[in-house]
Protein backbone atom coordinates (compact mmCIF):
# COMPACT_ATOMS: atom_id res chain seq x y z
CA MET A 1 2.61 -25.91 -0.55
CA ALA A 2 1.72 -26.10 -4.21
CA PRO A 3 4.15 -27.83 -6.59
CA LEU A 4 7.14 -25.61 -7.11
CA ARG A 5 7.29 -26.19 -10.85
CA ASN A 6 3.66 -25.52 -11.46
CA GLY A 7 3.76 -22.66 -13.90
CA GLN A 8 0.49 -21.07 -12.76
CA VAL A 9 1.19 -20.83 -9.00
CA ASN A 10 4.77 -19.74 -9.53
CA GLY A 11 4.07 -16.80 -11.69
CA HIS A 12 3.59 -18.06 -15.20
CA THR A 13 -0.17 -17.46 -15.44
CA ARG A 14 -0.97 -16.53 -19.00
CA VAL A 15 -2.04 -12.97 -18.68
CA SER A 16 -1.69 -10.59 -21.64
CA PRO A 17 0.80 -7.74 -21.20
CA PRO A 18 -0.78 -4.29 -20.97
CA GLU A 19 -1.42 -2.40 -24.16
CA PRO A 20 1.15 0.29 -25.03
CA GLY A 21 0.40 3.38 -22.97
CA ALA A 22 -1.98 1.53 -20.62
CA THR A 23 -1.47 1.97 -16.90
CA ALA A 24 -0.17 -1.07 -15.12
CA GLY A 25 -2.49 -0.76 -12.15
CA LYS A 26 -6.03 0.32 -11.45
CA ARG A 27 -5.34 2.73 -8.60
CA PHE A 28 -7.61 5.77 -8.77
CA SER A 29 -9.34 4.36 -11.84
CA ASP A 30 -12.71 5.23 -10.31
CA ILE A 31 -11.83 8.90 -9.90
CA PRO A 32 -13.69 10.91 -12.59
CA SER A 33 -12.06 13.68 -14.61
CA ALA A 34 -14.57 16.18 -13.26
CA ILE A 35 -17.34 16.45 -10.66
CA ASP A 36 -20.44 18.63 -10.32
CA ILE A 37 -21.03 20.08 -6.85
CA PRO A 38 -24.65 21.09 -6.28
CA VAL A 39 -25.06 24.70 -5.18
CA SER A 40 -28.19 26.59 -4.14
CA SER A 41 -29.03 29.66 -6.13
CA GLY A 42 -31.46 30.93 -3.48
CA LEU A 43 -34.32 30.70 -5.97
CA ASP A 44 -35.41 27.15 -4.95
CA ALA A 45 -33.51 25.86 -8.00
CA GLU A 46 -30.38 23.75 -7.78
CA GLU A 47 -27.41 24.54 -9.89
CA ALA A 48 -23.95 22.94 -9.95
CA VAL A 49 -20.32 24.00 -10.09
CA GLU A 50 -18.10 21.80 -12.16
CA VAL A 51 -14.69 21.03 -10.69
CA ASN A 52 -12.01 19.75 -13.00
CA LEU A 53 -10.28 17.02 -11.04
CA GLU A 54 -7.38 16.81 -13.44
CA GLU A 55 -6.39 20.51 -12.99
CA LEU A 56 -6.78 21.10 -9.25
CA HIS A 57 -5.47 24.30 -7.64
CA ASP A 58 -2.36 23.98 -5.46
CA ASP A 59 -4.34 25.65 -2.63
CA PRO A 60 -7.51 23.73 -1.79
CA THR A 61 -8.90 26.48 0.47
CA GLU A 62 -11.36 27.73 -2.10
CA LEU A 63 -12.68 24.24 -2.72
CA CYS A 64 -13.01 23.58 1.01
CA THR A 65 -14.98 26.80 1.44
CA LEU A 66 -17.34 25.82 -1.38
CA LEU A 67 -17.91 22.40 0.09
CA GLU A 68 -18.48 23.78 3.55
CA ASN A 69 -20.88 26.55 2.45
CA GLU A 70 -22.95 24.12 0.37
CA GLY A 71 -23.08 21.46 2.97
CA ALA A 72 -21.68 18.96 0.48
CA ALA A 73 -22.00 15.30 1.24
CA ARG A 74 -19.15 13.00 2.27
CA ASN A 75 -18.53 11.63 -1.26
CA PHE A 76 -17.67 15.06 -2.66
CA TRP A 77 -14.99 15.54 0.04
CA MET A 78 -13.65 12.01 -0.61
CA ILE A 79 -13.53 12.20 -4.36
CA ILE A 80 -11.74 15.51 -4.45
CA ALA A 81 -9.26 14.38 -1.70
CA LEU A 82 -8.49 11.26 -3.69
CA ALA A 83 -8.08 13.33 -6.85
CA TYR A 84 -5.38 15.33 -5.11
CA ALA A 85 -3.83 12.10 -3.91
CA LYS A 86 -3.88 10.75 -7.51
CA GLN A 87 -1.65 13.75 -8.41
CA ARG A 88 0.57 12.91 -5.42
CA LYS A 89 -0.53 16.06 -3.55
CA VAL A 90 -1.16 14.07 -0.42
CA ASP A 91 -0.80 16.98 1.97
CA HIS A 92 -3.76 18.76 0.20
CA ALA A 93 -5.77 15.51 0.32
CA ILE A 94 -5.15 15.32 4.12
CA GLU A 95 -6.12 18.92 4.50
CA LEU A 96 -9.39 18.35 2.61
CA LEU A 97 -10.33 15.26 4.68
CA THR A 98 -9.52 17.04 7.92
CA LYS A 99 -11.70 19.95 7.00
CA GLY A 100 -14.38 17.56 5.78
CA LEU A 101 -14.42 15.85 9.15
CA ALA A 102 -14.92 19.18 10.85
CA ALA A 103 -17.69 20.14 8.47
CA LEU A 104 -19.48 16.87 8.85
CA SER A 105 -18.95 16.60 12.61
CA LYS A 106 -22.69 16.60 13.16
CA GLY A 107 -23.40 14.23 10.37
CA GLY A 108 -23.95 10.53 10.42
CA ILE A 109 -21.53 8.01 11.82
CA LYS A 110 -21.07 6.45 8.34
CA ASP A 111 -19.84 9.74 6.91
CA LYS A 112 -17.26 10.24 9.60
CA LEU A 113 -16.06 6.58 9.45
CA GLY A 114 -15.41 6.73 5.73
CA LEU A 115 -13.39 9.95 5.95
CA LEU A 116 -11.38 8.68 8.92
CA THR A 117 -10.51 5.46 7.09
CA CYS A 118 -9.39 7.39 4.03
CA LEU A 119 -7.33 9.72 6.19
CA CYS A 120 -5.68 6.84 7.87
CA TRP A 121 -4.56 5.43 4.56
CA LEU A 122 -3.07 8.81 3.52
CA TYR A 123 -1.03 8.98 6.76
CA LEU A 124 0.25 5.47 6.05
CA TRP A 125 1.22 6.61 2.59
CA LYS A 126 3.08 9.60 4.01
CA SER A 127 4.90 7.26 6.44
CA ARG A 128 6.11 5.17 3.56
CA GLU A 129 7.76 8.22 1.94
CA ALA A 130 8.94 10.04 5.08
CA PRO A 131 12.56 9.82 6.42
CA ARG A 132 13.26 7.24 9.09
CA VAL A 133 15.29 9.61 11.25
CA VAL A 134 15.24 13.44 11.72
CA PRO A 135 17.05 15.13 8.77
CA GLU A 136 20.22 16.90 9.71
CA GLY A 137 19.72 20.48 10.77
CA GLN A 138 16.01 20.04 11.42
CA LEU A 139 14.45 20.36 14.88
CA VAL A 140 13.09 17.17 16.38
CA SER A 141 9.85 18.84 17.24
CA GLU A 142 9.35 19.89 13.61
CA ALA A 143 10.47 16.70 11.91
CA LEU A 144 7.91 14.66 9.99
CA THR A 145 9.43 11.27 10.22
CA LYS A 146 7.91 7.84 9.55
CA ASP A 147 7.11 7.50 13.23
CA TYR A 148 5.31 10.81 13.29
CA PHE A 149 2.92 9.76 10.48
CA LEU A 150 2.45 6.32 12.07
CA GLN A 151 1.35 8.13 15.23
CA GLN A 152 -1.14 10.19 13.22
CA SER A 153 -2.41 7.10 11.53
CA THR A 154 -2.78 5.35 14.88
CA ALA A 155 -4.71 8.17 16.35
CA THR A 156 -7.07 8.33 13.31
CA LEU A 157 -7.51 4.54 13.36
CA ASN A 158 -8.35 4.53 17.02
CA GLU A 159 -10.94 7.23 16.52
CA ALA A 160 -12.53 5.19 13.76
CA SER A 161 -12.46 2.09 15.91
CA ARG A 162 -14.30 3.88 18.70
CA ILE A 163 -17.15 4.53 16.23
CA ASN A 164 -17.26 0.98 14.86
CA PRO A 165 -14.50 -1.51 15.81
CA SER A 166 -15.83 -4.10 13.50
CA PHE A 167 -15.80 -1.89 10.38
CA PRO A 168 -14.10 -4.24 7.85
CA PRO A 169 -11.65 -1.74 6.18
CA LEU A 170 -10.11 -1.08 9.62
CA PHE A 171 -8.75 -4.61 9.91
CA LEU A 172 -6.68 -4.13 6.72
CA ALA A 173 -5.52 -0.67 7.69
CA ARG A 174 -4.42 -1.75 11.13
CA GLY A 175 -2.58 -4.68 9.60
CA VAL A 176 -0.62 -2.36 7.34
CA LEU A 177 0.03 -0.06 10.32
CA TYR A 178 1.55 -2.94 12.27
CA LEU A 179 3.69 -3.93 9.22
CA LEU A 180 5.05 -0.46 8.89
CA ARG A 181 5.61 -0.25 12.65
CA ALA A 182 7.58 -3.53 12.58
CA SER A 183 9.81 -2.14 9.83
CA LEU A 184 11.07 0.52 12.28
CA GLN A 185 11.81 -2.01 15.00
CA PRO A 186 15.26 -3.71 15.39
CA PRO A 187 15.56 -7.30 14.20
CA SER A 188 15.57 -10.17 16.67
CA ARG A 189 18.89 -11.21 18.17
CA SER A 190 20.16 -14.79 17.80
CA LEU A 191 18.23 -17.19 19.94
CA ALA A 192 19.12 -20.42 21.54
CA PRO A 193 17.81 -23.45 19.65
CA GLY A 194 14.22 -24.28 20.61
CA SER A 195 13.54 -20.92 22.31
CA ALA A 196 10.61 -18.76 21.22
CA ASP A 197 11.12 -15.29 19.82
CA HIS A 198 9.08 -12.71 21.73
CA SER A 199 10.90 -9.65 20.53
CA GLU A 200 8.91 -6.45 19.92
CA ARG A 201 9.25 -6.74 16.18
CA VAL A 202 8.00 -10.34 16.04
CA GLU A 203 5.05 -9.53 18.33
CA THR A 204 4.17 -6.61 16.08
CA LEU A 205 4.26 -8.83 13.00
CA ARG A 206 2.03 -11.35 14.77
CA GLN A 207 -0.45 -8.62 15.45
CA ALA A 208 -0.31 -7.63 11.82
CA LEU A 209 -0.90 -11.23 10.76
CA LYS A 210 -3.97 -11.44 13.04
CA CYS A 211 -5.44 -8.28 11.55
CA PHE A 212 -5.02 -9.56 8.01
CA GLU A 213 -6.57 -12.94 8.95
CA ASP A 214 -9.51 -11.06 10.50
CA ALA A 215 -9.90 -9.05 7.24
CA ILE A 216 -9.87 -12.28 5.28
CA ARG A 217 -12.44 -13.82 7.56
CA VAL A 218 -14.93 -10.97 7.39
CA SER A 219 -14.60 -10.85 3.59
CA VAL A 220 -15.13 -14.64 3.33
CA GLY A 221 -11.74 -14.98 1.67
CA ARG A 222 -12.37 -12.38 -0.98
CA ASN A 223 -10.08 -9.62 0.20
CA MET A 224 -6.93 -10.11 -1.84
CA MET A 225 -5.13 -7.15 -0.31
CA ALA A 226 -5.55 -8.79 3.06
CA MET A 227 -4.27 -12.06 1.63
CA LEU A 228 -1.18 -10.19 0.35
CA GLY A 229 -0.78 -8.60 3.73
CA LYS A 230 -0.93 -12.06 5.39
CA ALA A 231 1.76 -13.27 2.94
CA ARG A 232 3.95 -10.31 3.76
CA ALA A 233 3.69 -10.83 7.51
CA LEU A 234 4.43 -14.50 7.16
CA TYR A 235 7.44 -13.64 4.93
CA SER A 236 8.75 -11.22 7.56
CA LEU A 237 8.31 -13.87 10.26
CA GLY A 238 10.52 -16.26 8.23
CA LYS A 239 7.59 -18.60 7.36
CA TYR A 240 8.46 -18.64 3.70
CA ALA A 241 6.53 -21.80 2.71
CA ASP A 242 3.34 -20.43 4.29
CA ALA A 243 3.89 -17.03 2.76
CA LEU A 244 4.34 -18.73 -0.66
CA GLU A 245 0.98 -20.47 -0.34
CA SER A 246 -0.72 -17.16 0.37
CA TYR A 247 0.97 -15.41 -2.62
CA GLN A 248 0.09 -18.34 -4.87
CA GLU A 249 -3.59 -18.21 -3.71
CA VAL A 250 -3.76 -14.55 -4.72
CA LEU A 251 -2.30 -15.39 -8.10
CA MET A 252 -4.74 -18.15 -8.74
CA LYS A 253 -7.79 -16.10 -7.63
CA MET A 254 -6.67 -12.83 -9.30
CA PRO A 255 -4.18 -13.50 -12.03
CA ASP A 256 -4.76 -10.02 -13.54
CA LEU A 257 -3.75 -8.25 -10.27
CA ARG A 258 -0.43 -6.44 -11.01
CA ASP A 259 -0.48 -3.65 -8.49
CA PRO A 260 0.89 -5.16 -6.36
CA ASP A 261 2.08 -8.24 -8.30
CA SER A 262 2.04 -11.44 -6.24
CA ARG A 263 4.65 -12.87 -8.64
CA ILE A 264 7.31 -10.68 -6.93
CA GLY A 265 6.33 -12.12 -3.53
CA ILE A 266 6.31 -15.65 -5.00
CA GLY A 267 9.83 -15.10 -6.31
CA CYS A 268 11.12 -13.76 -2.95
CA CYS A 269 9.67 -16.80 -1.17
CA LEU A 270 11.15 -19.24 -3.68
CA TRP A 271 14.45 -17.52 -3.35
CA GLN A 272 14.43 -17.90 0.43
CA LEU A 273 13.48 -21.55 0.07
CA GLY A 274 16.48 -22.17 -2.17
CA PHE A 275 14.71 -22.36 -5.52
CA LYS A 276 16.72 -19.71 -7.29
CA GLU A 277 15.80 -20.68 -10.88
CA GLU A 278 12.08 -20.66 -10.08
CA ALA A 279 12.46 -17.32 -8.33
CA ARG A 280 14.11 -15.89 -11.44
CA ASP A 281 11.21 -17.22 -13.56
CA ALA A 282 8.61 -15.52 -11.40
CA TRP A 283 10.48 -12.20 -11.50
CA GLU A 284 10.92 -12.44 -15.24
CA ARG A 285 7.20 -12.99 -15.66
CA ALA A 286 6.51 -9.93 -13.54
CA LEU A 287 8.91 -7.92 -15.73
CA GLU A 288 7.19 -9.24 -18.82
CA LEU A 289 3.81 -8.11 -17.63
CA VAL A 290 4.90 -4.76 -16.22
CA GLY A 291 8.11 -3.48 -17.78
CA SER A 292 8.39 -0.73 -15.20
CA ALA A 293 8.31 -3.09 -12.25
CA VAL A 294 11.49 -1.76 -10.60
CA GLU A 295 11.22 -4.16 -7.68
CA ALA A 296 11.20 -7.16 -9.93
CA LEU A 297 14.16 -5.75 -11.87
CA ASN A 298 16.12 -5.22 -8.70
CA THR A 299 15.45 -8.76 -7.46
CA LYS A 300 16.46 -10.18 -10.82
CA LEU A 301 19.68 -8.25 -10.82
CA THR A 302 20.40 -9.49 -7.30
CA TYR A 303 19.81 -13.03 -8.52
CA CYS A 304 22.29 -12.61 -11.32
CA ARG A 305 24.87 -10.98 -9.07
CA THR A 306 24.63 -13.89 -6.65
CA LEU A 307 25.20 -16.29 -9.51
CA SER A 308 28.44 -14.89 -10.63
CA ARG A 309 30.80 -11.99 -9.74
CA LYS A 310 31.92 -12.12 -13.37
CA LEU A 311 28.80 -10.04 -14.22
CA ARG A 312 30.21 -6.84 -12.68
CA PRO A 313 30.45 -5.06 -16.06
CA PHE A 314 26.79 -5.99 -16.59
CA TRP A 315 25.85 -4.02 -13.41
CA SER A 316 27.45 -0.88 -14.73
CA ASP A 317 25.65 -1.18 -18.03
CA CYS A 318 22.24 -1.83 -16.45
CA THR A 319 22.28 0.31 -13.32
CA GLY A 320 25.03 2.83 -13.95
CA SER A 321 26.84 1.76 -10.75
CA THR A 322 28.01 -1.25 -8.90
CA THR A 323 26.10 -0.43 -5.70
CA ALA A 324 24.83 -3.51 -3.98
CA LEU A 325 21.14 -4.20 -4.44
CA THR A 326 19.10 -5.46 -1.62
CA MET A 327 16.07 -7.79 -1.54
CA PRO A 328 13.02 -5.56 -1.89
CA GLN A 329 9.83 -5.44 0.03
CA PRO A 330 7.77 -7.94 -2.07
CA ILE A 331 4.50 -6.18 -1.47
CA GLN A 332 3.07 -2.72 -1.83
CA LEU A 333 -0.04 -2.90 0.35
CA LEU A 334 -1.04 0.67 0.46
CA LEU A 335 -3.69 1.28 -2.14
CA LEU A 336 -2.50 4.78 -2.73
CA CYS A 337 1.26 4.14 -2.84
CA THR A 338 3.88 4.56 -5.54
């Protein structure tokens, strides 16, 4: 493990804060504001219909019909779907990709594989936001719970794997799927000293770890999202020192990465290892770089609360309540989340 007081590996890398008004992350940064869809005029001359991706209709039916009639390529379906996702209209994005798969069913394998992978990520996103249990008064058969979307994601991922099981993005997606699946499984019971834990949750986390390691291997160590996934799986397995090394590696290789910010994970690991002051420093640096980092704020408040119960008036001033704050998930792996 790297030295605990090394400023760089513990979250103090000198990165300039974002400019006022600038977005903290780069999600969807490659989605254009508009796109031209080629259409045939019937006179052997191609024209184009411009679609404003910043003012999309609430009903994507008309767009789907246009894309189907013009035999639009995969990238048009993908870009428009992600534009909907950028506006947090994930259901419309899923509808677009589903219809795109049907329209391109006779197309090339690469086209279908890309759409399936994107669809899998959207289902994972929906799982993150869905309720864990069936809401009161709702039929079980109609409830869209976390488990429901995980099942949809699993089916989509399996279909993509049948096309090309070694497609690199699938390793990362499956690792995230296992992480989310593990979050729904009960924690391990107390074990006798020296006995191995083979509970369902631990086995699922080990599968996630293997998927992330595979993603890192095929990318020759360049996939930082996979490295963050590896760190998160190690953290959940209680291997805090190993998780810390992975978070620190991400920080050293990509100090500008703030979405997700490895400094939050570094702080969580340091906290679990008993280095409370260093954990606070890492979270404060995350707050300095991204003032809206709610996760870092929550962990910092938890730190202060643990230090002294005398700070109770401070909780009311900062949070408006004295509700207990819990340690957060120190990683947001889904590229399309939050």
